[in-house]
Amino acid sequence: VWTQEELMARGSQVYAANCQACHQANGQGVKGAFPGLDGSKVVASKADQIAILLNGKGAMPAWKQLSDVELAAVSTYTKNSWSNKHGMVQPAEFTAARK
């Protein structure tokens, strides 16, 4: 079990390396191509976000190659960045979703 602070710190790095190019540093995305994550209903929904991170959707690839810790970290980071305040996700939730 990780703390929110630990997941946020790690998630910031995962986001910068894997997500920022499309969703932008400010979480606003690129209009018409990549949706914004700031204020996103998908980010607010734990189940929807886990499913999209593991399976991809549209132009977004599946990120199954990332560890459960990395996925939980980036999920928690996006759930609590910008105007989002949606709690956290533990690595065990990604482990369970992979099965």
PDB file of N, CA and C in Angstrom:
ATOM      1  N   VAL A   1       0.853  -1.182   0.000  1.00  0.00           N
ATOM      2  CA  VAL A   1       0.000   0.000   0.000  1.00  0.00           C
ATOM      3  C   VAL A   1       0.891   1.235   0.000  1.00  0.00           C
ATOM      4  N   TRP A   2       0.645   2.095  -0.931  1.00  0.00           N
ATOM      5  CA  TRP A   2       1.420   3.322  -1.104  1.00  0.00           C
ATOM      6  C   TRP A   2       0.619   4.512  -0.591  1.00  0.00           C
ATOM      7  N   THR A   3       1.316   5.551  -0.155  1.00  0.00           N
ATOM      8  CA  THR A   3       0.635   6.781   0.237  1.00  0.00           C
ATOM      9  C   THR A   3       0.337   7.599  -1.015  1.00  0.00           C
ATOM     10  N   GLN A   4      -0.588   8.528  -0.882  1.00  0.00           N
ATOM     11  CA  GLN A   4      -0.895   9.392  -2.019  1.00  0.00           C
ATOM     12  C   GLN A   4       0.328  10.221  -2.403  1.00  0.00           C
ATOM     13  N   GLU A   5       1.067  10.681  -1.427  1.00  0.00           N
ATOM     14  CA  GLU A   5       2.266  11.477  -1.710  1.00  0.00           C
ATOM     15  C   GLU A   5       3.281  10.675  -2.523  1.00  0.00           C
ATOM     16  N   GLU A   6       3.496   9.422  -2.153  1.00  0.00           N
ATOM     17  CA  GLU A   6       4.438   8.562  -2.885  1.00  0.00           C
ATOM     18  C   GLU A   6       3.966   8.321  -4.316  1.00  0.00           C
ATOM     19  N   LEU A   7       2.678   8.033  -4.468  1.00  0.00           N
ATOM     20  CA  LEU A   7       2.138   7.791  -5.812  1.00  0.00           C
ATOM     21  C   LEU A   7       2.177   9.051  -6.671  1.00  0.00           C
ATOM     22  N   MET A   8       1.884  10.194  -6.084  1.00  0.00           N
ATOM     23  CA  MET A   8       1.922  11.452  -6.837  1.00  0.00           C
ATOM     24  C   MET A   8       3.334  11.747  -7.347  1.00  0.00           C
ATOM     25  N   ALA A   9       4.329  11.548  -6.514  1.00  0.00           N
ATOM     26  CA  ALA A   9       5.713  11.817  -6.917  1.00  0.00           C
ATOM     27  C   ALA A   9       6.122  10.898  -8.068  1.00  0.00           C
ATOM     28  N   ARG A  10       5.832   9.630  -7.930  1.00  0.00           N
ATOM     29  CA  ARG A  10       6.177   8.681  -8.991  1.00  0.00           C
ATOM     30  C   ARG A  10       5.316   8.917 -10.225  1.00  0.00           C
ATOM     31  N   GLY A  11       4.052   9.218 -10.022  1.00  0.00           N
ATOM     32  CA  GLY A  11       3.137   9.455 -11.136  1.00  0.00           C
ATOM     33  C   GLY A  11       3.522  10.643 -11.984  1.00  0.00           C
ATOM     34  N   SER A  12       4.084  11.661 -11.370  1.00  0.00           N
ATOM     35  CA  SER A  12       4.556  12.828 -12.115  1.00  0.00           C
ATOM     36  C   SER A  12       5.618  12.421 -13.128  1.00  0.00           C
ATOM     37  N   GLN A  13       6.504  11.537 -12.730  1.00  0.00           N
ATOM     38  CA  GLN A  13       7.563  11.060 -13.627  1.00  0.00           C
ATOM     39  C   GLN A  13       6.992  10.182 -14.740  1.00  0.00           C
ATOM     40  N   VAL A  14       6.075   9.298 -14.400  1.00  0.00           N
ATOM     41  CA  VAL A  14       5.458   8.425 -15.398  1.00  0.00           C
ATOM     42  C   VAL A  14       4.662   9.261 -16.398  1.00  0.00           C
ATOM     43  N   TYR A  15       3.937  10.246 -15.905  1.00  0.00           N
ATOM     44  CA  TYR A  15       3.155  11.125 -16.784  1.00  0.00           C
ATOM     45  C   TYR A  15       4.065  11.880 -17.748  1.00  0.00           C
ATOM     46  N   ALA A  16       5.137  12.449 -17.236  1.00  0.00           N
ATOM     47  CA  ALA A  16       6.065  13.206 -18.091  1.00  0.00           C
ATOM     48  C   ALA A  16       6.676  12.324 -19.176  1.00  0.00           C
ATOM     49  N   ALA A  17       6.970  11.089 -18.848  1.00  0.00           N
ATOM     50  CA  ALA A  17       7.620  10.186 -19.795  1.00  0.00           C
ATOM     51  C   ALA A  17       6.660   9.550 -20.798  1.00  0.00           C
ATOM     52  N   ASN A  18       5.398   9.373 -20.426  1.00  0.00           N
ATOM     53  CA  ASN A  18       4.491   8.585 -21.260  1.00  0.00           C
ATOM     54  C   ASN A  18       3.213   9.274 -21.716  1.00  0.00           C
ATOM     55  N   CYS A  19       2.781  10.291 -21.033  1.00  0.00           N
ATOM     56  CA  CYS A  19       1.455  10.857 -21.292  1.00  0.00           C
ATOM     57  C   CYS A  19       1.480  12.311 -21.771  1.00  0.00           C
ATOM     58  N   GLN A  20       2.457  13.035 -21.301  1.00  0.00           N
ATOM     59  CA  GLN A  20       2.510  14.479 -21.506  1.00  0.00           C
ATOM     60  C   GLN A  20       2.542  14.882 -22.979  1.00  0.00           C
ATOM     61  N   ALA A  21       3.172  14.100 -23.828  1.00  0.00           N
ATOM     62  CA  ALA A  21       3.276  14.465 -25.247  1.00  0.00           C
ATOM     63  C   ALA A  21       1.897  14.632 -25.886  1.00  0.00           C
ATOM     64  N   CYS A  22       0.951  13.817 -25.481  1.00  0.00           N
ATOM     65  CA  CYS A  22      -0.391  13.894 -26.055  1.00  0.00           C
ATOM     66  C   CYS A  22      -1.368  14.695 -25.195  1.00  0.00           C
ATOM     67  N   HIS A  23      -1.319  14.502 -23.887  1.00  0.00           N
ATOM     68  CA  HIS A  23      -2.286  15.137 -23.006  1.00  0.00           C
ATOM     69  C   HIS A  23      -1.803  16.471 -22.443  1.00  0.00           C
ATOM     70  N   GLN A  24      -0.564  16.850 -22.739  1.00  0.00           N
ATOM     71  CA  GLN A  24       0.038  18.132 -22.361  1.00  0.00           C
ATOM     72  C   GLN A  24       0.337  18.227 -20.865  1.00  0.00           C
ATOM     73  N   ALA A  25       1.318  19.025 -20.526  1.00  0.00           N
ATOM     74  CA  ALA A  25       1.731  19.208 -19.130  1.00  0.00           C
ATOM     75  C   ALA A  25       0.603  19.777 -18.276  1.00  0.00           C
ATOM     76  N   ASN A  26      -0.262  20.575 -18.902  1.00  0.00           N
ATOM     77  CA  ASN A  26      -1.369  21.202 -18.165  1.00  0.00           C
ATOM     78  C   ASN A  26      -2.634  20.344 -18.154  1.00  0.00           C
ATOM     79  N   GLY A  27      -2.567  19.142 -18.735  1.00  0.00           N
ATOM     80  CA  GLY A  27      -3.710  18.240 -18.738  1.00  0.00           C
ATOM     81  C   GLY A  27      -4.829  18.632 -19.687  1.00  0.00           C
ATOM     82  N   GLN A  28      -4.584  19.614 -20.553  1.00  0.00           N
ATOM     83  CA  GLN A  28      -5.640  20.111 -21.438  1.00  0.00           C
ATOM     84  C   GLN A  28      -5.782  19.314 -22.735  1.00  0.00           C
ATOM     85  N   GLY A  29      -4.807  18.455 -23.040  1.00  0.00           N
ATOM     86  CA  GLY A  29      -4.875  17.669 -24.265  1.00  0.00           C
ATOM     87  C   GLY A  29      -4.693  18.527 -25.493  1.00  0.00           C
ATOM     88  N   VAL A  30      -4.955  17.929 -26.647  1.00  0.00           N
ATOM     89  CA  VAL A  30      -4.880  18.624 -27.926  1.00  0.00           C
ATOM     90  C   VAL A  30      -6.260  18.511 -28.554  1.00  0.00           C
ATOM     91  N   LYS A  31      -6.918  19.626 -28.723  1.00  0.00           N
ATOM     92  CA  LYS A  31      -8.293  19.646 -29.225  1.00  0.00           C
ATOM     93  C   LYS A  31      -8.424  18.820 -30.502  1.00  0.00           C
ATOM     94  N   GLY A  32      -9.418  17.940 -30.515  1.00  0.00           N
ATOM     95  CA  GLY A  32      -9.707  17.135 -31.688  1.00  0.00           C
ATOM     96  C   GLY A  32      -8.853  15.888 -31.822  1.00  0.00           C
ATOM     97  N   ALA A  33      -7.744  15.810 -31.109  1.00  0.00           N
ATOM     98  CA  ALA A  33      -6.866  14.654 -31.244  1.00  0.00           C
ATOM     99  C   ALA A  33      -6.750  13.854 -29.952  1.00  0.00           C
ATOM    100  N   PHE A  34      -6.428  14.541 -28.866  1.00  0.00           N
ATOM    101  CA  PHE A  34      -6.214  13.885 -27.584  1.00  0.00           C
ATOM    102  C   PHE A  34      -7.013  14.618 -26.518  1.00  0.00           C
ATOM    103  N   PRO A  35      -7.898  13.921 -25.833  1.00  0.00           N
ATOM    104  CA  PRO A  35      -8.752  14.595 -24.853  1.00  0.00           C
ATOM    105  C   PRO A  35      -7.975  15.118 -23.653  1.00  0.00           C
ATOM    106  N   GLY A  36      -8.491  16.168 -23.089  1.00  0.00           N
ATOM    107  CA  GLY A  36      -7.923  16.701 -21.871  1.00  0.00           C
ATOM    108  C   GLY A  36      -8.214  15.778 -20.699  1.00  0.00           C
ATOM    109  N   LEU A  37      -7.326  15.776 -19.723  1.00  0.00           N
ATOM    110  CA  LEU A  37      -7.511  14.982 -18.515  1.00  0.00           C
ATOM    111  C   LEU A  37      -7.985  15.851 -17.356  1.00  0.00           C
ATOM    112  N   ASP A  38      -7.779  17.147 -17.465  1.00  0.00           N
ATOM    113  CA  ASP A  38      -8.242  18.088 -16.457  1.00  0.00           C
ATOM    114  C   ASP A  38      -9.761  18.162 -16.534  1.00  0.00           C
ATOM    115  N   GLY A  39     -10.439  17.726 -15.486  1.00  0.00           N
ATOM    116  CA  GLY A  39     -11.897  17.744 -15.470  1.00  0.00           C
ATOM    117  C   GLY A  39     -12.546  16.586 -16.216  1.00  0.00           C
ATOM    118  N   SER A  40     -11.768  15.590 -16.582  1.00  0.00           N
ATOM    119  CA  SER A  40     -12.268  14.458 -17.360  1.00  0.00           C
ATOM    120  C   SER A  40     -13.134  13.513 -16.532  1.00  0.00           C
ATOM    121  N   LYS A  41     -14.267  13.076 -17.116  1.00  0.00           N
ATOM    122  CA  LYS A  41     -15.122  12.091 -16.469  1.00  0.00           C
ATOM    123  C   LYS A  41     -14.419  10.736 -16.385  1.00  0.00           C
ATOM    124  N   VAL A  42     -13.577  10.434 -17.369  1.00  0.00           N
ATOM    125  CA  VAL A  42     -12.834   9.172 -17.364  1.00  0.00           C
ATOM    126  C   VAL A  42     -11.866   9.145 -16.190  1.00  0.00           C
ATOM    127  N   VAL A  43     -11.181  10.241 -15.948  1.00  0.00           N
ATOM    128  CA  VAL A  43     -10.239  10.317 -14.829  1.00  0.00           C
ATOM    129  C   VAL A  43     -10.994  10.211 -13.503  1.00  0.00           C
ATOM    130  N   ALA A  44     -12.192  10.752 -13.445  1.00  0.00           N
ATOM    131  CA  ALA A  44     -12.983  10.698 -12.217  1.00  0.00           C
ATOM    132  C   ALA A  44     -13.433   9.279 -11.888  1.00  0.00           C
ATOM    133  N   SER A  45     -13.624   8.464 -12.903  1.00  0.00           N
ATOM    134  CA  SER A  45     -14.084   7.085 -12.711  1.00  0.00           C
ATOM    135  C   SER A  45     -12.891   6.140 -12.606  1.00  0.00           C
ATOM    136  N   LYS A  46     -12.723   5.548 -11.451  1.00  0.00           N
ATOM    137  CA  LYS A  46     -11.600   4.628 -11.248  1.00  0.00           C
ATOM    138  C   LYS A  46     -11.670   3.464 -12.240  1.00  0.00           C
ATOM    139  N   ALA A  47     -12.824   2.853 -12.394  1.00  0.00           N
ATOM    140  CA  ALA A  47     -12.974   1.697 -13.279  1.00  0.00           C
ATOM    141  C   ALA A  47     -12.690   2.059 -14.733  1.00  0.00           C
ATOM    142  N   ASP A  48     -13.223   3.193 -15.194  1.00  0.00           N
ATOM    143  CA  ASP A  48     -13.004   3.612 -16.576  1.00  0.00           C
ATOM    144  C   ASP A  48     -11.532   3.911 -16.834  1.00  0.00           C
ATOM    145  N   GLN A  49     -10.897   4.596 -15.901  1.00  0.00           N
ATOM    146  CA  GLN A  49      -9.499   4.949 -16.093  1.00  0.00           C
ATOM    147  C   GLN A  49      -8.620   3.706 -16.109  1.00  0.00           C
ATOM    148  N   ILE A  50      -8.844   2.776 -15.217  1.00  0.00           N
ATOM    149  CA  ILE A  50      -8.065   1.540 -15.193  1.00  0.00           C
ATOM    150  C   ILE A  50      -8.233   0.797 -16.516  1.00  0.00           C
ATOM    151  N   ALA A  51      -9.461   0.686 -17.001  1.00  0.00           N
ATOM    152  CA  ALA A  51      -9.732  -0.023 -18.252  1.00  0.00           C
ATOM    153  C   ALA A  51      -9.019   0.627 -19.429  1.00  0.00           C
ATOM    154  N   ILE A  52      -9.050   1.944 -19.510  1.00  0.00           N
ATOM    155  CA  ILE A  52      -8.406   2.625 -20.638  1.00  0.00           C
ATOM    156  C   ILE A  52      -6.891   2.520 -20.551  1.00  0.00           C
ATOM    157  N   LEU A  53      -6.328   2.646 -19.357  1.00  0.00           N
ATOM    158  CA  LEU A  53      -4.880   2.512 -19.231  1.00  0.00           C
ATOM    159  C   LEU A  53      -4.414   1.107 -19.617  1.00  0.00           C
ATOM    160  N   LEU A  54      -5.178   0.100 -19.284  1.00  0.00           N
ATOM    161  CA  LEU A  54      -4.780  -1.276 -19.598  1.00  0.00           C
ATOM    162  C   LEU A  54      -5.112  -1.694 -21.028  1.00  0.00           C
ATOM    163  N   ASN A  55      -6.181  -1.156 -21.594  1.00  0.00           N
ATOM    164  CA  ASN A  55      -6.657  -1.632 -22.895  1.00  0.00           C
ATOM    165  C   ASN A  55      -6.545  -0.615 -24.025  1.00  0.00           C
ATOM    166  N   GLY A  56      -6.285   0.647 -23.682  1.00  0.00           N
ATOM    167  CA  GLY A  56      -6.245   1.688 -24.699  1.00  0.00           C
ATOM    168  C   GLY A  56      -7.643   2.057 -25.164  1.00  0.00           C
ATOM    169  N   LYS A  57      -7.703   3.098 -25.978  1.00  0.00           N
ATOM    170  CA  LYS A  57      -8.976   3.533 -26.566  1.00  0.00           C
ATOM    171  C   LYS A  57      -8.661   4.535 -27.657  1.00  0.00           C
ATOM    172  N   GLY A  58      -9.202   4.319 -28.836  1.00  0.00           N
ATOM    173  CA  GLY A  58      -8.937   5.226 -29.942  1.00  0.00           C
ATOM    174  C   GLY A  58      -7.440   5.295 -30.232  1.00  0.00           C
ATOM    175  N   ALA A  59      -6.901   6.505 -30.254  1.00  0.00           N
ATOM    176  CA  ALA A  59      -5.478   6.697 -30.538  1.00  0.00           C
ATOM    177  C   ALA A  59      -4.582   6.366 -29.342  1.00  0.00           C
ATOM    178  N   MET A  60      -5.189   6.199 -28.162  1.00  0.00           N
ATOM    179  CA  MET A  60      -4.377   5.914 -26.985  1.00  0.00           C
ATOM    180  C   MET A  60      -4.044   4.430 -26.923  1.00  0.00           C
ATOM    181  N   PRO A  61      -2.760   4.117 -26.828  1.00  0.00           N
ATOM    182  CA  PRO A  61      -2.381   2.704 -26.760  1.00  0.00           C
ATOM    183  C   PRO A  61      -2.643   2.120 -25.376  1.00  0.00           C
ATOM    184  N   ALA A  62      -2.659   0.808 -25.309  1.00  0.00           N
ATOM    185  CA  ALA A  62      -2.691   0.113 -24.024  1.00  0.00           C
ATOM    186  C   ALA A  62      -1.320   0.291 -23.384  1.00  0.00           C
ATOM    187  N   TRP A  63      -1.287   0.433 -22.077  1.00  0.00           N
ATOM    188  CA  TRP A  63      -0.029   0.634 -21.361  1.00  0.00           C
ATOM    189  C   TRP A  63       0.289  -0.568 -20.470  1.00  0.00           C
ATOM    190  N   LYS A  64      -0.013  -1.764 -20.947  1.00  0.00           N
ATOM    191  CA  LYS A  64       0.209  -2.980 -20.172  1.00  0.00           C
ATOM    192  C   LYS A  64       1.674  -3.222 -19.853  1.00  0.00           C
ATOM    193  N   GLN A  65       2.571  -2.598 -20.619  1.00  0.00           N
ATOM    194  CA  GLN A  65       3.999  -2.785 -20.361  1.00  0.00           C
ATOM    195  C   GLN A  65       4.457  -2.032 -19.114  1.00  0.00           C
ATOM    196  N   LEU A  66       3.671  -1.076 -18.636  1.00  0.00           N
ATOM    197  CA  LEU A  66       4.004  -0.385 -17.393  1.00  0.00           C
ATOM    198  C   LEU A  66       3.635  -1.285 -16.222  1.00  0.00           C
ATOM    199  N   SER A  67       4.385  -1.175 -15.141  1.00  0.00           N
ATOM    200  CA  SER A  67       4.103  -1.982 -13.951  1.00  0.00           C
ATOM    201  C   SER A  67       2.827  -1.487 -13.277  1.00  0.00           C
ATOM    202  N   ASP A  68       2.290  -2.319 -12.401  1.00  0.00           N
ATOM    203  CA  ASP A  68       1.096  -1.922 -11.658  1.00  0.00           C
ATOM    204  C   ASP A  68       1.370  -0.707 -10.784  1.00  0.00           C
ATOM    205  N   VAL A  69       2.577  -0.612 -10.260  1.00  0.00           N
ATOM    206  CA  VAL A  69       2.951   0.562  -9.460  1.00  0.00           C
ATOM    207  C   VAL A  69       2.967   1.809 -10.345  1.00  0.00           C
ATOM    208  N   GLU A  70       3.555   1.710 -11.532  1.00  0.00           N
ATOM    209  CA  GLU A  70       3.596   2.860 -12.440  1.00  0.00           C
ATOM    210  C   GLU A  70       2.195   3.277 -12.866  1.00  0.00           C
ATOM    211  N   LEU A  71       1.349   2.308 -13.171  1.00  0.00           N
ATOM    212  CA  LEU A  71      -0.023   2.620 -13.578  1.00  0.00           C
ATOM    213  C   LEU A  71      -0.823   3.250 -12.443  1.00  0.00           C
ATOM    214  N   ALA A  72      -0.685   2.712 -11.248  1.00  0.00           N
ATOM    215  CA  ALA A  72      -1.384   3.302 -10.091  1.00  0.00           C
ATOM    216  C   ALA A  72      -0.865   4.705  -9.822  1.00  0.00           C
ATOM    217  N   ALA A  73       0.432   4.891  -9.998  1.00  0.00           N
ATOM    218  CA  ALA A  73       1.024   6.210  -9.754  1.00  0.00           C
ATOM    219  C   ALA A  73       0.506   7.239 -10.752  1.00  0.00           C
ATOM    220  N   VAL A  74       0.506   6.899 -12.033  1.00  0.00           N
ATOM    221  CA  VAL A  74       0.046   7.875 -13.029  1.00  0.00           C
ATOM    222  C   VAL A  74      -1.462   8.093 -12.918  1.00  0.00           C
ATOM    223  N   SER A  75      -2.186   7.063 -12.547  1.00  0.00           N
ATOM    224  CA  SER A  75      -3.618   7.224 -12.336  1.00  0.00           C
ATOM    225  C   SER A  75      -3.884   8.168 -11.170  1.00  0.00           C
ATOM    226  N   THR A  76      -3.198   7.952 -10.065  1.00  0.00           N
ATOM    227  CA  THR A  76      -3.350   8.822  -8.900  1.00  0.00           C
ATOM    228  C   THR A  76      -2.908  10.248  -9.225  1.00  0.00           C
ATOM    229  N   TYR A  77      -1.836  10.372  -9.981  1.00  0.00           N
ATOM    230  CA  TYR A  77      -1.342  11.699 -10.370  1.00  0.00           C
ATOM    231  C   TYR A  77      -2.411  12.455 -11.168  1.00  0.00           C
ATOM    232  N   THR A  78      -2.992  11.813 -12.171  1.00  0.00           N
ATOM    233  CA  THR A  78      -3.992  12.514 -12.983  1.00  0.00           C
ATOM    234  C   THR A  78      -5.285  12.744 -12.203  1.00  0.00           C
ATOM    235  N   LYS A  79      -5.606  11.876 -11.263  1.00  0.00           N
ATOM    236  CA  LYS A  79      -6.806  12.057 -10.442  1.00  0.00           C
ATOM    237  C   LYS A  79      -6.682  13.237  -9.481  1.00  0.00           C
ATOM    238  N   ASN A  80      -5.456  13.721  -9.256  1.00  0.00           N
ATOM    239  CA  ASN A  80      -5.244  14.777  -8.265  1.00  0.00           C
ATOM    240  C   ASN A  80      -4.447  15.957  -8.788  1.00  0.00           C
ATOM    241  N   SER A  81      -4.344  16.073 -10.103  1.00  0.00           N
ATOM    242  CA  SER A  81      -3.639  17.205 -10.698  1.00  0.00           C
ATOM    243  C   SER A  81      -4.633  18.162 -11.338  1.00  0.00           C
ATOM    244  N   TRP A  82      -4.153  19.382 -11.567  1.00  0.00           N
ATOM    245  CA  TRP A  82      -4.962  20.418 -12.193  1.00  0.00           C
ATOM    246  C   TRP A  82      -6.190  20.669 -11.325  1.00  0.00           C
ATOM    247  N   SER A  83      -7.387  20.584 -11.873  1.00  0.00           N
ATOM    248  CA  SER A  83      -8.592  20.813 -11.053  1.00  0.00           C
ATOM    249  C   SER A  83      -9.172  19.509 -10.504  1.00  0.00           C
ATOM    250  N   ASN A  84      -8.546  18.385 -10.821  1.00  0.00           N
ATOM    251  CA  ASN A  84      -9.054  17.075 -10.390  1.00  0.00           C
ATOM    252  C   ASN A  84      -8.749  16.804  -8.920  1.00  0.00           C
ATOM    253  N   LYS A  85      -9.696  16.236  -8.235  1.00  0.00           N
ATOM    254  CA  LYS A  85      -9.548  15.799  -6.846  1.00  0.00           C
ATOM    255  C   LYS A  85     -10.379  14.527  -6.682  1.00  0.00           C
ATOM    256  N   HIS A  86      -9.822  13.383  -7.111  1.00  0.00           N
ATOM    257  CA  HIS A  86     -10.601  12.149  -7.192  1.00  0.00           C
ATOM    258  C   HIS A  86     -10.004  10.971  -6.437  1.00  0.00           C
ATOM    259  N   GLY A  87      -9.182  11.195  -5.441  1.00  0.00           N
ATOM    260  CA  GLY A  87      -8.669  10.084  -4.653  1.00  0.00           C
ATOM    261  C   GLY A  87      -7.476   9.399  -5.286  1.00  0.00           C
ATOM    262  N   MET A  88      -7.282   8.145  -4.928  1.00  0.00           N
ATOM    263  CA  MET A  88      -6.096   7.450  -5.397  1.00  0.00           C
ATOM    264  C   MET A  88      -6.414   6.023  -5.808  1.00  0.00           C
ATOM    265  N   VAL A  89      -5.441   5.407  -6.490  1.00  0.00           N
ATOM    266  CA  VAL A  89      -5.546   4.037  -6.948  1.00  0.00           C
ATOM    267  C   VAL A  89      -4.312   3.295  -6.441  1.00  0.00           C
ATOM    268  N   GLN A  90      -4.504   2.122  -5.903  1.00  0.00           N
ATOM    269  CA  GLN A  90      -3.392   1.311  -5.412  1.00  0.00           C
ATOM    270  C   GLN A  90      -2.945   0.320  -6.496  1.00  0.00           C
ATOM    271  N   PRO A  91      -1.676  -0.058  -6.506  1.00  0.00           N
ATOM    272  CA  PRO A  91      -1.190  -1.035  -7.485  1.00  0.00           C
ATOM    273  C   PRO A  91      -2.006  -2.324  -7.501  1.00  0.00           C
ATOM    274  N   ALA A  92      -2.480  -2.772  -6.362  1.00  0.00           N
ATOM    275  CA  ALA A  92      -3.261  -4.011  -6.291  1.00  0.00           C
ATOM    276  C   ALA A  92      -4.532  -3.943  -7.152  1.00  0.00           C
ATOM    277  N   GLU A  93      -5.065  -2.730  -7.362  1.00  0.00           N
ATOM    278  CA  GLU A  93      -6.256  -2.584  -8.195  1.00  0.00           C
ATOM    279  C   GLU A  93      -5.933  -2.854  -9.664  1.00  0.00           C
ATOM    280  N   PHE A  94      -4.734  -2.495 -10.100  1.00  0.00           N
ATOM    281  CA  PHE A  94      -4.313  -2.830 -11.469  1.00  0.00           C
ATOM    282  C   PHE A  94      -3.988  -4.308 -11.568  1.00  0.00           C
ATOM    283  N   THR A  95      -3.388  -4.869 -10.547  1.00  0.00           N
ATOM    284  CA  THR A  95      -3.098  -6.311 -10.540  1.00  0.00           C
ATOM    285  C   THR A  95      -4.386  -7.090 -10.709  1.00  0.00           C
ATOM    286  N   ALA A  96      -5.405  -6.717  -9.970  1.00  0.00           N
ATOM    287  CA  ALA A  96      -6.709  -7.397 -10.054  1.00  0.00           C
ATOM    288  C   ALA A  96      -7.352  -7.203 -11.429  1.00  0.00           C
ATOM    289  N   ALA A  97      -7.230  -6.017 -11.996  1.00  0.00           N
ATOM    290  CA  ALA A  97      -7.858  -5.717 -13.283  1.00  0.00           C
ATOM    291  C   ALA A  97      -7.187  -6.465 -14.433  1.00  0.00           C
ATOM    292  N   ARG A  98      -5.943  -6.818 -14.290  1.00  0.00           N
ATOM    293  CA  ARG A  98      -5.237  -7.562 -15.346  1.00  0.00           C
ATOM    294  C   ARG A  98      -5.735  -9.009 -15.446  1.00  0.00           C
ATOM    295  N   LYS A  99      -6.373  -9.507 -14.407  1.00  0.00           N
ATOM    296  CA  LYS A  99      -6.798 -10.920 -14.387  1.00  0.00           C
ATOM    297  C   LYS A  99      -8.123 -11.125 -15.079  1.00  0.00           C
TER     298      LYS A  99
END
